[in-house]
N, C-alpha and C. Protein backbone atom coordinates (compact mmCIF):
# COMPACT_ATOMS: atom_id res chain seq x y z
N MET A 1 0.83 -1.19 -0.05
CA MET A 1 -0.08 0.00 0.03
C MET A 1 0.85 1.26 0.01
N LEU A 2 0.52 2.15 -0.82
CA LEU A 2 1.23 3.37 -0.94
C LEU A 2 1.41 4.10 0.43
N LEU A 3 0.34 4.13 1.23
CA LEU A 3 0.38 4.92 2.45
C LEU A 3 1.47 4.39 3.44
N THR A 4 1.52 3.08 3.52
CA THR A 4 2.56 2.42 4.45
C THR A 4 3.89 2.90 4.11
N SER A 5 4.27 3.14 2.89
CA SER A 5 5.63 3.57 2.69
C SER A 5 5.72 5.06 3.09
N ALA A 6 4.76 5.84 3.21
CA ALA A 6 4.88 7.19 3.70
C ALA A 6 5.01 7.20 5.29
N LEU A 7 4.69 6.09 5.86
CA LEU A 7 4.74 6.02 7.40
C LEU A 7 6.14 6.23 7.88
N ASP A 8 7.16 5.89 7.05
CA ASP A 8 8.60 5.98 7.40
C ASP A 8 8.95 7.39 7.62
N PHE A 9 8.22 8.35 7.13
CA PHE A 9 8.51 9.76 7.16
C PHE A 9 7.65 10.47 8.20
N MET A 10 6.78 9.75 8.87
CA MET A 10 5.94 10.31 9.79
C MET A 10 6.60 10.39 11.12
N SER A 11 6.38 11.50 11.96
CA SER A 11 6.87 11.72 13.20
C SER A 11 6.48 10.47 14.13
N LEU A 12 7.39 10.13 15.04
CA LEU A 12 6.94 9.04 15.98
C LEU A 12 6.10 9.55 16.90
N ALA A 13 5.78 10.88 16.94
CA ALA A 13 4.76 11.41 18.04
C ALA A 13 3.32 11.10 17.58
N TYR A 14 3.18 10.66 16.37
CA TYR A 14 1.84 10.28 15.81
C TYR A 14 1.57 8.82 15.84
N ARG A 15 0.44 8.46 16.17
CA ARG A 15 -0.03 7.08 16.10
C ARG A 15 -0.95 6.88 14.77
N PRO A 16 -0.50 6.11 13.91
CA PRO A 16 -1.31 5.83 12.83
C PRO A 16 -2.63 4.92 13.06
N VAL A 17 -3.80 5.21 12.54
CA VAL A 17 -4.98 4.42 12.70
C VAL A 17 -5.34 4.18 11.24
N LEU A 18 -5.61 2.87 10.92
CA LEU A 18 -6.03 2.48 9.55
C LEU A 18 -7.60 2.38 9.49
N THR A 19 -8.15 3.02 8.66
CA THR A 19 -9.69 2.84 8.56
C THR A 19 -10.05 1.62 7.88
N ARG A 20 -11.29 1.13 8.22
CA ARG A 20 -11.77 -0.18 7.76
C ARG A 20 -12.77 -0.15 6.70
N GLY A 21 -12.77 0.93 5.83
CA GLY A 21 -13.65 1.03 4.66
C GLY A 21 -15.11 1.14 5.07
N ARG A 22 -15.99 0.35 4.47
CA ARG A 22 -17.48 0.56 4.68
C ARG A 22 -17.82 0.06 6.11
N ASP A 23 -16.97 -0.67 6.70
CA ASP A 23 -17.11 -1.17 8.08
C ASP A 23 -16.69 -0.16 9.14
N GLU A 24 -16.13 0.91 8.75
CA GLU A 24 -15.61 1.86 9.72
C GLU A 24 -16.65 2.65 10.38
N ASN A 25 -16.62 2.75 11.74
CA ASN A 25 -17.58 3.48 12.46
C ASN A 25 -16.97 4.71 13.28
N PHE A 26 -15.66 4.84 13.05
CA PHE A 26 -14.82 6.00 13.67
C PHE A 26 -14.86 6.01 15.03
N SER A 27 -15.18 4.90 15.74
CA SER A 27 -15.20 4.86 17.22
C SER A 27 -13.78 5.02 17.72
N PHE A 28 -12.73 4.76 17.00
CA PHE A 28 -11.36 4.92 17.38
C PHE A 28 -11.08 6.40 17.72
N LEU A 29 -11.86 7.35 17.27
CA LEU A 29 -11.57 8.90 17.61
C LEU A 29 -11.75 9.03 18.98
N ASP A 30 -12.63 8.33 19.65
CA ASP A 30 -12.88 8.54 21.18
C ASP A 30 -11.85 7.75 21.96
N ARG A 31 -11.11 6.91 21.30
CA ARG A 31 -10.04 6.20 22.02
C ARG A 31 -8.61 6.68 21.81
N THR A 32 -8.40 7.60 20.95
CA THR A 32 -7.00 8.12 20.56
C THR A 32 -6.55 8.96 21.71
N GLU A 33 -5.34 9.29 21.66
CA GLU A 33 -4.67 10.22 22.56
C GLU A 33 -4.96 11.78 22.14
N GLY A 34 -5.81 11.91 21.18
CA GLY A 34 -6.14 13.23 20.72
C GLY A 34 -5.89 13.47 19.33
N PRO A 35 -6.37 14.56 18.84
CA PRO A 35 -6.13 14.74 17.32
C PRO A 35 -4.73 15.07 16.94
N TYR A 36 -4.10 15.61 17.88
CA TYR A 36 -2.62 16.07 17.56
C TYR A 36 -1.61 14.98 17.68
N ALA A 37 -2.04 13.79 18.11
CA ALA A 37 -1.19 12.61 18.22
C ALA A 37 -1.63 11.46 17.30
N THR A 38 -2.60 11.71 16.39
CA THR A 38 -3.20 10.59 15.68
C THR A 38 -3.21 10.94 14.21
N TYR A 39 -2.86 10.01 13.34
CA TYR A 39 -3.01 10.14 11.92
C TYR A 39 -3.94 9.12 11.39
N VAL A 40 -5.01 9.51 10.75
CA VAL A 40 -6.01 8.58 10.22
C VAL A 40 -5.57 8.17 8.84
N LEU A 41 -5.43 6.96 8.60
CA LEU A 41 -4.92 6.40 7.23
C LEU A 41 -6.17 5.80 6.54
N ALA A 42 -6.38 6.28 5.31
CA ALA A 42 -7.44 5.80 4.44
C ALA A 42 -6.87 5.24 3.27
N PRO A 43 -6.84 3.92 3.11
CA PRO A 43 -6.18 3.36 1.84
C PRO A 43 -6.67 3.89 0.56
N GLU A 44 -7.94 4.33 0.47
CA GLU A 44 -8.45 4.93 -0.73
C GLU A 44 -9.78 5.60 -0.50
N LEU A 45 -10.01 6.81 -1.09
CA LEU A 45 -11.38 7.43 -1.02
C LEU A 45 -11.91 7.14 -2.48
N SER A 46 -12.86 6.12 -2.43
CA SER A 46 -13.52 5.74 -3.62
C SER A 46 -14.57 4.62 -3.36
N ASP A 47 -15.44 4.32 -4.30
CA ASP A 47 -16.48 3.34 -4.01
C ASP A 47 -16.17 2.01 -4.80
N HIS A 48 -14.96 1.78 -5.05
CA HIS A 48 -14.53 0.61 -5.91
C HIS A 48 -14.53 -0.70 -5.03
N THR A 49 -14.23 -0.64 -3.88
CA THR A 49 -14.28 -1.93 -2.93
C THR A 49 -14.68 -1.64 -1.65
N PRO A 50 -15.21 -2.56 -0.90
CA PRO A 50 -15.62 -2.42 0.49
C PRO A 50 -14.52 -1.83 1.48
N ALA A 51 -13.23 -2.01 1.06
CA ALA A 51 -12.20 -1.65 1.87
C ALA A 51 -11.96 -0.13 1.95
N TYR A 52 -12.58 0.51 0.94
CA TYR A 52 -12.32 1.89 0.78
C TYR A 52 -13.43 2.80 1.38
N LEU A 53 -13.12 3.97 1.66
CA LEU A 53 -14.05 4.95 2.30
C LEU A 53 -14.78 5.68 1.10
N TRP A 54 -16.18 5.94 1.33
CA TRP A 54 -16.95 6.60 0.35
C TRP A 54 -18.13 7.09 1.05
N GLY A 55 -18.83 8.23 0.47
CA GLY A 55 -20.00 8.67 0.92
C GLY A 55 -19.95 9.34 2.38
N ASP A 56 -20.82 8.93 3.14
CA ASP A 56 -20.85 9.52 4.44
C ASP A 56 -19.68 9.24 5.30
N LYS A 57 -18.90 8.06 4.96
CA LYS A 57 -17.72 7.78 5.76
C LYS A 57 -16.62 8.82 5.42
N VAL A 58 -16.57 9.30 4.25
CA VAL A 58 -15.61 10.45 3.85
C VAL A 58 -16.06 11.69 4.49
N ARG A 59 -17.32 11.88 4.54
CA ARG A 59 -17.81 13.13 5.36
C ARG A 59 -17.35 13.09 6.84
N THR A 60 -17.51 11.83 7.45
CA THR A 60 -17.03 11.70 8.87
C THR A 60 -15.60 11.92 8.93
N LEU A 61 -14.79 11.48 7.97
CA LEU A 61 -13.31 11.73 8.04
C LEU A 61 -13.07 13.12 7.89
N PHE A 62 -13.75 13.89 7.06
CA PHE A 62 -13.49 15.35 6.98
C PHE A 62 -13.88 16.16 8.32
N ASP A 63 -14.98 15.62 8.88
CA ASP A 63 -15.37 16.13 10.21
C ASP A 63 -14.23 16.00 11.28
N ALA A 64 -13.61 14.84 11.17
CA ALA A 64 -12.46 14.63 12.09
C ALA A 64 -11.41 15.63 11.88
N LEU A 65 -11.08 15.91 10.49
CA LEU A 65 -10.17 16.88 10.13
C LEU A 65 -10.45 18.27 10.79
N ASP A 66 -11.80 18.64 10.75
CA ASP A 66 -12.17 19.87 11.39
C ASP A 66 -11.93 19.86 12.94
N ARG A 67 -11.92 18.65 13.50
CA ARG A 67 -11.58 18.57 14.91
C ARG A 67 -10.14 18.55 15.20
N GLY A 68 -9.28 18.58 14.18
CA GLY A 68 -7.78 18.64 14.38
C GLY A 68 -7.03 17.42 14.02
N TYR A 69 -7.80 16.35 13.58
CA TYR A 69 -7.01 15.10 13.30
C TYR A 69 -6.37 15.39 11.87
N SER A 70 -5.41 14.47 11.61
CA SER A 70 -4.70 14.63 10.33
C SER A 70 -5.00 13.26 9.60
N THR A 71 -4.91 13.34 8.30
CA THR A 71 -5.09 12.15 7.47
C THR A 71 -4.17 11.97 6.38
N MET A 72 -3.95 10.68 5.98
CA MET A 72 -3.25 10.41 4.76
C MET A 72 -4.15 9.54 3.99
N ALA A 73 -4.32 9.74 2.65
CA ALA A 73 -5.26 8.96 1.90
C ALA A 73 -4.89 9.03 0.43
N THR A 74 -5.33 7.98 -0.31
CA THR A 74 -5.14 8.12 -1.76
C THR A 74 -6.52 8.18 -2.29
N ILE A 75 -6.70 8.77 -3.49
CA ILE A 75 -8.02 8.93 -4.21
C ILE A 75 -7.98 8.33 -5.52
N HIS A 76 -9.04 7.64 -5.77
CA HIS A 76 -9.22 6.96 -7.06
C HIS A 76 -10.14 7.78 -7.93
N ALA A 77 -9.74 8.20 -9.06
CA ALA A 77 -10.63 8.98 -9.93
C ALA A 77 -10.24 8.86 -11.36
N ASP A 78 -11.22 8.93 -12.25
CA ASP A 78 -10.89 8.99 -13.71
C ASP A 78 -10.32 10.29 -14.10
N THR A 79 -10.61 11.40 -13.41
CA THR A 79 -10.17 12.70 -13.83
C THR A 79 -9.78 13.45 -12.62
N PRO A 80 -8.98 14.53 -12.56
CA PRO A 80 -8.75 15.27 -11.34
C PRO A 80 -9.95 15.93 -10.77
């Protein structure tokens, strides 16, 4: 996965949390050490497989960004 290669460059002060696609309920947000110590990893933002985030799940991810969380994600699209 492309994101795991980027983890080598992430500060050790952050804890990565991998999302679970369509099964993700974002309950991990209540169990982290806070937004400034957590990176939310989304393997892909698309509707191509159940492992990826799409729709309301992406909205929840962006709501977490508004709360101060950081994310790394890839996006699948036919055009920019």
